[in-house]
């Protein structure tokens, strides 16, 4: 039950992120500078709160973080709705909502890693991800058709926040992540003990036993956790450099209001893609192939000829991004032993900030083709970095 409530709450967080931003842009008529400040401030607050609270939440204060996240989300929406004050809405979005998202995501990820067997971590991370995307898609579609008006957004957030904060189980002693690290070390010890049975054959070869042990140790080492972190940063940077241009391109084809529906459909498409990928063995092939296919897809942004192609491009790009991101996150969880999960999201936000700045600079000074080249190269590098 708590996993379902957590997925719904994360979907509400993701939905209200876009909803509050569009409220600033469409309802309050914020200018581009204000919107840029809002987006940058959101990322900055998210990073700061994650770095300050991450270790504390992972130490066992997951329920306190969940309660704080729920209160901040409801407060952010309450301050924004019905107010014509742009500055007030800006603070609610870029400070309160960002802090709420940071605390909620960290609390949920830590709880999953402690209450799910480490052998099922990857499966449940996929499950949580595509459930969250599916609910977000439904909420965006409901908002597009006028079924989710401003008061109902607040009521939905209050209901989801309450259910989330009440249902999330506490972490008394961090057991599962400790067991995972012990099991991983025992497997490595067993591997090297078993390897000693090959010593007679090694002595007959040209390599010395010490050299063979050295090679075996190097080959059997765990993938360093910085690789999926760097892959996340580079992928988001190369993606956001391009996708700061996509909303205006999309709205020019389908209009601002219909863009909401397209984003909803892209979430549903991503959920379907993750549901399919979760059924195949996790590994490097998933991240490598999704990253490289997305790199091949990027240049098509220069040749979109209408609504259908624009929508198809966004749906495919969104699905591939979420497949890469979830698979890469699972690799990070394995390599880090379930510790420092908040750092992964910090790298995502840093990548977003860097990519948005670089994309804006390249587009304004050199044109969109240079942004496309930067994005393609970044996708390839991220694919090679991902374990």
Protein backbone atom coordinates (compact mmCIF):
# COMPACT_ATOMS: atom_id res chain seq x y z
CA UNK A 1 0.00 0.00 0.00
CA UNK A 2 2.73 2.48 0.94
CA UNK A 3 4.52 1.91 -2.38
CA UNK A 4 1.33 2.72 -4.29
CA UNK A 5 0.75 5.86 -2.19
CA UNK A 6 4.38 6.90 -2.70
CA UNK A 7 4.08 6.51 -6.48
CA UNK A 8 0.89 8.59 -6.51
CA UNK A 9 2.52 11.28 -4.37
CA UNK A 10 5.62 11.44 -6.58
CA UNK A 11 3.30 11.76 -9.59
CA UNK A 12 1.49 14.65 -7.89
CA UNK A 13 4.86 16.31 -7.19
CA UNK A 14 5.87 15.94 -10.83
CA UNK A 15 2.47 17.11 -12.09
CA UNK A 16 2.39 20.19 -9.82
CA UNK A 17 5.92 21.08 -10.92
CA UNK A 18 4.70 21.59 -14.48
CA UNK A 19 1.30 22.91 -13.35
CA UNK A 20 2.77 25.65 -11.13
CA UNK A 21 5.24 26.64 -13.85
CA UNK A 22 2.43 26.92 -16.40
CA UNK A 23 0.35 28.84 -13.84
CA UNK A 24 3.17 31.38 -13.59
CA UNK A 25 3.47 31.59 -17.36
CA UNK A 26 -0.16 31.49 -18.49
CA UNK A 27 -2.32 32.65 -15.60
CA UNK A 28 -0.01 35.29 -14.12
CA UNK A 29 1.70 36.22 -17.39
CA UNK A 30 5.26 36.05 -16.05
CA UNK A 31 7.89 37.31 -18.49
CA UNK A 32 10.69 35.05 -19.81
CA UNK A 33 13.23 36.47 -17.35
CA UNK A 34 10.96 35.63 -14.40
CA UNK A 35 10.33 32.14 -15.76
CA UNK A 36 14.06 31.60 -16.21
CA UNK A 37 14.69 32.74 -12.65
CA UNK A 38 11.96 30.42 -11.39
CA UNK A 39 13.41 27.39 -13.17
CA UNK A 40 16.99 28.12 -12.07
CA UNK A 41 15.93 28.84 -8.48
CA UNK A 42 13.95 25.61 -8.35
CA UNK A 43 17.02 23.58 -9.32
CA UNK A 44 19.26 25.48 -6.89
CA UNK A 45 16.89 24.98 -3.94
CA UNK A 46 16.47 21.30 -4.82
CA UNK A 47 20.24 20.76 -4.84
CA UNK A 48 20.83 22.65 -1.56
CA UNK A 49 18.02 20.88 0.30
CA UNK A 50 19.15 17.49 -1.01
CA UNK A 51 22.74 18.03 0.09
CA UNK A 52 21.72 19.33 3.53
CA UNK A 53 19.09 16.71 4.31
CA UNK A 54 20.08 13.65 2.27
CA UNK A 55 22.31 11.90 4.81
CA UNK A 56 19.90 12.72 7.64
CA UNK A 57 16.92 11.26 5.80
CA UNK A 58 18.91 8.16 4.84
CA UNK A 59 19.85 7.73 8.50
CA UNK A 60 16.23 6.97 9.43
CA UNK A 61 14.19 10.20 9.33
CA UNK A 62 12.25 9.21 6.24
CA UNK A 63 8.82 9.76 7.81
CA UNK A 64 9.75 13.20 9.12
CA UNK A 65 10.96 14.10 5.62
CA UNK A 66 7.70 12.76 4.14
CA UNK A 67 5.60 14.88 6.50
CA UNK A 68 7.68 17.99 5.80
CA UNK A 69 7.42 17.35 2.05
CA UNK A 70 3.64 16.98 2.25
CA UNK A 71 3.21 20.20 4.24
CA UNK A 72 5.47 22.18 1.90
CA UNK A 73 3.60 20.96 -1.19
CA UNK A 74 0.20 21.94 0.23
CA UNK A 75 1.59 25.30 1.35
CA UNK A 76 3.08 26.00 -2.08
CA UNK A 77 -0.24 25.36 -3.80
CA UNK A 78 -2.25 27.31 -1.20
CA UNK A 79 -0.05 30.38 -1.60
CA UNK A 80 -0.27 30.25 -5.39
CA UNK A 81 -3.93 29.52 -6.10
CA UNK A 82 -6.18 32.54 -6.26
CA UNK A 83 -3.27 34.95 -5.94
CA UNK A 84 -2.34 37.52 -8.57
CA UNK A 85 1.01 38.18 -6.91
CA UNK A 86 3.75 36.87 -9.22
CA UNK A 87 6.48 37.24 -6.57
CA UNK A 88 4.44 35.16 -4.13
CA UNK A 89 3.86 32.44 -6.70
CA UNK A 90 7.55 32.52 -7.63
CA UNK A 91 8.61 31.83 -4.03
CA UNK A 92 5.98 29.12 -3.65
CA UNK A 93 7.20 27.34 -6.76
CA UNK A 94 10.96 27.80 -6.67
CA UNK A 95 11.45 27.44 -2.89
CA UNK A 96 8.59 25.53 -1.26
CA UNK A 97 7.81 23.13 -4.11
CA UNK A 98 11.49 22.43 -4.82
CA UNK A 99 12.15 21.62 -1.15
CA UNK A 100 9.05 19.42 -1.09
CA UNK A 101 10.20 17.49 -4.17
CA UNK A 102 13.69 16.96 -2.73
CA UNK A 103 12.46 15.64 0.62
CA UNK A 104 9.70 13.50 -0.90
CA UNK A 105 11.92 11.83 -3.49
CA UNK A 106 14.69 11.06 -0.99
CA UNK A 107 12.28 9.70 1.63
CA UNK A 108 10.62 7.44 -0.94
CA UNK A 109 13.83 6.06 -2.46
CA UNK A 110 15.33 5.27 0.96
CA UNK A 111 12.15 3.52 2.09
CA UNK A 112 12.05 1.39 -1.08
CA UNK A 113 15.65 0.29 -0.52
CA UNK A 114 14.96 -0.69 3.09
CA UNK A 115 11.57 -2.37 2.75
CA UNK A 116 12.26 -4.26 -0.48
CA UNK A 117 14.71 -7.15 -0.73
CA UNK A 118 17.91 -6.05 -2.45
CA UNK A 119 17.34 -8.79 -5.03
CA UNK A 120 14.16 -6.94 -6.07
CA UNK A 121 15.50 -3.36 -6.01
CA UNK A 122 15.69 -2.95 -9.79
CA UNK A 123 12.23 -4.44 -10.35
CA UNK A 124 10.55 -2.22 -7.77
CA UNK A 125 12.38 0.89 -8.96
CA UNK A 126 10.99 0.23 -12.45
CA UNK A 127 7.55 -0.41 -10.97
CA UNK A 128 7.61 2.83 -9.00
CA UNK A 129 8.86 4.80 -12.00
CA UNK A 130 6.26 3.65 -14.49
CA UNK A 131 3.45 3.90 -11.94
CA UNK A 132 4.50 7.49 -11.22
CA UNK A 133 4.66 8.37 -14.93
CA UNK A 134 1.28 6.76 -15.60
CA UNK A 135 -0.45 8.71 -12.81
CA UNK A 136 1.27 11.93 -13.94
CA UNK A 137 0.02 11.32 -17.47
CA UNK A 138 -3.53 10.81 -16.22
CA UNK A 139 -3.39 14.00 -14.14
CA UNK A 140 -2.07 16.08 -17.06
CA UNK A 141 -4.74 14.65 -19.37
CA UNK A 142 -7.44 15.41 -16.78
CA UNK A 143 -6.16 18.98 -16.46
CA UNK A 144 -6.24 19.40 -20.24
CA UNK A 145 -9.89 18.32 -20.43
CA UNK A 146 -10.84 20.64 -17.56
CA UNK A 147 -11.53 17.84 -15.10
CA UNK A 148 -8.77 18.99 -12.76
CA UNK A 149 -9.32 22.69 -12.04
CA UNK A 150 -7.26 24.73 -9.58
CA UNK A 151 -9.32 23.86 -6.47
CA UNK A 152 -9.25 20.18 -7.40
CA UNK A 153 -5.48 20.32 -7.84
CA UNK A 154 -5.18 21.51 -4.24
CA UNK A 155 -7.62 18.87 -2.97
CA UNK A 156 -5.80 16.15 -4.89
CA UNK A 157 -2.47 17.28 -3.45
CA UNK A 158 -3.86 17.34 0.10
CA UNK A 159 -5.34 13.84 -0.26
CA UNK A 160 -2.20 12.38 -1.84
CA UNK A 161 0.07 14.10 0.70
CA UNK A 162 -1.94 12.85 3.66
CA UNK A 163 -2.09 9.26 2.37
CA UNK A 164 1.64 9.35 1.62
CA UNK A 165 2.73 10.74 4.99
CA UNK A 166 0.46 8.34 6.94
CA UNK A 167 1.30 5.17 4.98
CA UNK A 168 5.09 5.52 4.68
CA UNK A 169 6.68 3.08 7.16
CA UNK A 170 9.51 4.29 9.41
CA UNK A 171 13.12 3.14 9.10
CA UNK A 172 14.16 1.96 12.56
CA UNK A 173 17.46 0.30 11.66
CA UNK A 174 18.93 0.44 8.13
CA UNK A 175 19.13 -3.34 7.58
CA UNK A 176 18.55 -4.13 3.91
CA UNK A 177 21.27 -1.89 2.51
CA UNK A 178 23.72 -3.30 5.06
CA UNK A 179 22.78 -6.86 4.07
CA UNK A 180 23.31 -5.97 0.42
CA UNK A 181 26.84 -4.71 1.06
CA UNK A 182 27.68 -7.78 3.17
CA UNK A 183 26.28 -10.15 0.54
CA UNK A 184 28.23 -8.40 -2.19
CA UNK A 185 31.48 -8.73 -0.25
CA UNK A 186 30.80 -12.41 0.54
CA UNK A 187 30.21 -13.11 -3.14
CA UNK A 188 33.53 -11.54 -4.00
CA UNK A 189 35.36 -13.50 -1.29
CA UNK A 190 33.77 -16.73 -2.50
CA UNK A 191 34.78 -15.91 -6.06
CA UNK A 192 38.43 -15.49 -5.12
CA UNK A 193 38.49 -18.54 -2.88
CA UNK A 194 37.10 -20.61 -5.70
CA UNK A 195 39.67 -19.09 -8.03
CA UNK A 196 42.52 -20.64 -6.01
CA UNK A 197 41.56 -24.03 -7.43
CA UNK A 198 43.00 -22.83 -10.74
CA UNK A 199 46.46 -22.18 -9.30
CA UNK A 200 48.05 -25.36 -10.70
CA UNK A 201 47.07 -24.32 -14.21
CA UNK A 202 48.26 -20.78 -13.57
CA UNK A 203 51.71 -22.05 -12.58
CA UNK A 204 51.99 -23.73 -15.94
CA UNK A 205 51.17 -20.52 -17.79
CA UNK A 206 53.45 -17.61 -18.59
CA UNK A 207 51.75 -15.29 -16.07
CA UNK A 208 52.83 -15.25 -12.45
CA UNK A 209 50.14 -16.10 -9.85
CA UNK A 210 50.34 -12.59 -8.40
CA UNK A 211 49.77 -11.02 -11.80
CA UNK A 212 46.80 -13.28 -12.54
CA UNK A 213 45.26 -12.45 -9.14
CA UNK A 214 45.76 -8.77 -9.90
CA UNK A 215 44.02 -9.10 -13.24
CA UNK A 216 41.21 -11.14 -11.70
CA UNK A 217 40.72 -8.54 -8.95
CA UNK A 218 40.61 -5.68 -11.45
CA UNK A 219 38.08 -7.53 -13.61
CA UNK A 220 35.86 -8.38 -10.66
CA UNK A 221 35.73 -4.95 -9.07
CA UNK A 222 32.42 -3.20 -8.78
CA UNK A 223 31.63 -0.41 -11.21
CA UNK A 224 32.56 2.86 -9.49
CA UNK A 225 29.46 4.78 -8.43
CA UNK A 226 30.69 8.00 -10.02
CA UNK A 227 30.07 6.60 -13.50
CA UNK A 228 26.25 6.50 -13.34
CA UNK A 229 26.35 9.90 -11.59
CA UNK A 230 28.38 11.41 -14.44
CA UNK A 231 26.18 9.65 -16.99
CA UNK A 232 23.09 11.22 -15.40
CA UNK A 233 24.62 14.70 -15.38
CA UNK A 234 25.85 14.51 -19.00
CA UNK A 235 22.61 13.03 -20.34
CA UNK A 236 20.39 15.63 -18.69
CA UNK A 237 22.73 18.47 -19.72
CA UNK A 238 22.73 17.33 -23.35
CA UNK A 239 18.97 16.73 -23.23
CA UNK A 240 17.94 20.02 -21.61
CA UNK A 241 20.22 21.99 -23.92
CA UNK A 242 17.94 20.88 -26.73
CA UNK A 243 14.63 20.64 -24.90
CA UNK A 244 14.56 24.26 -23.77
CA UNK A 245 13.68 24.85 -27.44
CA UNK A 246 11.07 22.10 -27.72
CA UNK A 247 8.19 23.70 -25.72
CA UNK A 248 8.08 26.76 -27.98
CA UNK A 249 8.41 24.55 -31.05
CA UNK A 250 5.65 22.28 -29.81
CA UNK A 251 3.33 25.15 -28.87
CA UNK A 252 3.81 26.65 -32.34
CA UNK A 253 2.35 23.44 -33.79
CA UNK A 254 -0.38 22.53 -31.31
CA UNK A 255 -0.82 25.63 -29.13
CA UNK A 256 -0.03 26.17 -25.46
CA UNK A 257 -3.12 24.43 -24.14
CA UNK A 258 -2.73 21.33 -26.30
CA UNK A 259 0.92 21.10 -25.22
CA UNK A 260 -0.36 19.99 -21.82
CA UNK A 261 -2.09 17.02 -23.44
CA UNK A 262 1.07 16.13 -25.35
CA UNK A 263 3.10 16.14 -22.13
CA UNK A 264 0.46 13.91 -20.56
CA UNK A 265 0.62 11.47 -23.46
CA UNK A 266 4.43 11.46 -23.30
CA UNK A 267 4.23 10.43 -19.64
CA UNK A 268 1.88 7.58 -20.53
CA UNK A 269 4.21 6.51 -23.36
CA UNK A 270 7.17 6.55 -20.98
CA UNK A 271 5.23 4.44 -18.48
CA UNK A 272 4.49 1.87 -21.18
CA UNK A 273 8.13 1.78 -22.29
CA UNK A 274 9.34 1.25 -18.71
CA UNK A 275 6.77 -1.50 -18.16
CA UNK A 276 8.18 -3.34 -21.19
CA UNK A 277 11.84 -2.78 -20.27
CA UNK A 278 11.28 -3.95 -16.70
CA UNK A 279 10.49 -7.42 -18.05
CA UNK A 280 13.93 -7.89 -19.61
CA UNK A 281 17.14 -8.50 -17.64
CA UNK A 282 18.62 -5.22 -16.42
CA UNK A 283 22.08 -4.39 -17.67
CA UNK A 284 24.32 -2.12 -19.64
CA UNK A 285 22.59 -2.98 -22.91
CA UNK A 286 19.42 -1.17 -21.82
CA UNK A 287 21.15 2.11 -20.96
CA UNK A 288 23.55 1.95 -23.89
CA UNK A 289 20.88 1.25 -26.50
CA UNK A 290 18.34 3.77 -25.15
CA UNK A 291 21.01 6.50 -24.97
CA UNK A 292 22.37 5.85 -28.46
CA UNK A 293 18.92 5.58 -30.05
CA UNK A 294 18.02 8.90 -28.42
CA UNK A 295 21.23 10.40 -29.87
CA UNK A 296 20.10 9.27 -33.33
CA UNK A 297 16.68 10.78 -32.70
CA UNK A 298 17.96 14.25 -31.71
CA UNK A 299 18.78 15.56 -35.25
CA UNK A 300 15.17 14.98 -36.32
CA UNK A 301 14.23 18.06 -34.30
CA UNK A 302 15.54 20.08 -37.27
CA UNK A 303 13.16 18.35 -39.69
CA UNK A 304 9.81 18.26 -37.92
CA UNK A 305 7.18 18.98 -40.53
CA UNK A 306 3.98 19.19 -38.54
CA UNK A 307 1.95 18.32 -35.50
CA UNK A 308 2.15 14.55 -35.92
CA UNK A 309 5.92 14.49 -36.25
CA UNK A 310 6.41 16.91 -33.35
CA UNK A 311 4.22 14.84 -31.05
CA UNK A 312 5.86 11.56 -32.12
CA UNK A 313 9.31 13.06 -31.54
CA UNK A 314 8.43 14.17 -28.02
CA UNK A 315 6.80 10.86 -27.11
CA UNK A 316 9.79 8.82 -28.33
CA UNK A 317 12.36 11.14 -26.75
CA UNK A 318 10.54 11.12 -23.41
CA UNK A 319 10.19 7.34 -23.34
CA UNK A 320 13.88 6.77 -24.19
CA UNK A 321 15.00 9.30 -21.57
CA UNK A 322 13.00 7.62 -18.81
CA UNK A 323 14.24 4.16 -19.80
CA UNK A 324 17.86 5.37 -19.68
CA UNK A 325 17.37 7.26 -16.43
CA UNK A 326 15.69 4.42 -14.52
CA UNK A 327 18.18 1.81 -15.72
CA UNK A 328 21.11 4.09 -14.89
CA UNK A 329 19.65 4.81 -11.45
CA UNK A 330 19.40 1.08 -10.77
CA UNK A 331 23.07 0.74 -11.69
CA UNK A 332 23.93 3.55 -9.28
CA UNK A 333 21.96 1.91 -6.47
CA UNK A 334 23.88 -1.35 -6.99
CA UNK A 335 27.28 0.31 -7.20
CA UNK A 336 26.71 2.54 -4.15
CA UNK A 337 25.11 -0.14 -2.02
CA UNK A 338 21.94 1.91 -1.70
CA UNK A 339 23.74 4.85 -0.09
CA UNK A 340 23.61 8.46 -1.26
CA UNK A 341 20.56 8.08 -3.50
CA UNK A 342 19.91 11.81 -3.14
CA UNK A 343 23.20 12.49 -4.95
CA UNK A 344 21.74 11.01 -8.12
CA UNK A 345 18.94 13.57 -8.16
CA UNK A 346 21.42 16.32 -7.34
CA UNK A 347 23.34 15.40 -10.49
CA UNK A 348 20.11 15.46 -12.51
CA UNK A 349 19.36 19.01 -11.39
CA UNK A 350 22.96 20.17 -11.92
CA UNK A 351 22.80 18.69 -15.41
CA UNK A 352 19.54 20.53 -16.05
CA UNK A 353 21.04 23.85 -14.94
CA UNK A 354 24.20 23.38 -17.03
CA UNK A 355 22.31 22.13 -20.09
CA UNK A 356 19.78 24.97 -20.04
CA UNK A 357 22.56 27.57 -19.82
CA UNK A 358 24.67 25.98 -22.56
CA UNK A 359 21.66 25.42 -24.83
CA UNK A 360 20.50 29.00 -24.47
CA UNK A 361 24.00 30.33 -25.17
CA UNK A 362 24.58 28.14 -28.23
CA UNK A 363 21.12 28.82 -29.66
CA UNK A 364 21.40 32.60 -29.27
CA UNK A 365 24.95 32.94 -30.60
CA UNK A 366 25.43 30.10 -33.08
CA UNK A 367 21.99 28.72 -33.91
CA UNK A 368 20.01 25.56 -33.26
CA UNK A 369 22.28 23.21 -35.32
CA UNK A 370 25.10 23.78 -32.82
CA UNK A 371 22.73 22.85 -30.00
CA UNK A 372 21.86 19.65 -31.85
CA UNK A 373 25.54 18.74 -32.25
CA UNK A 374 26.18 19.39 -28.55
CA UNK A 375 23.18 17.26 -27.63
CA UNK A 376 24.17 14.33 -29.85
CA UNK A 377 27.74 14.27 -28.53
CA UNK A 378 26.48 14.47 -24.95
CA UNK A 379 24.09 11.55 -25.47
CA UNK A 380 26.89 9.40 -26.87
CA UNK A 381 29.23 10.27 -23.99
CA UNK A 382 26.50 9.56 -21.41
CA UNK A 383 25.77 6.19 -23.04
CA UNK A 384 29.43 5.19 -22.84
CA UNK A 385 29.73 6.37 -19.23
CA UNK A 386 26.67 4.46 -18.02
CA UNK A 387 27.63 1.11 -16.44
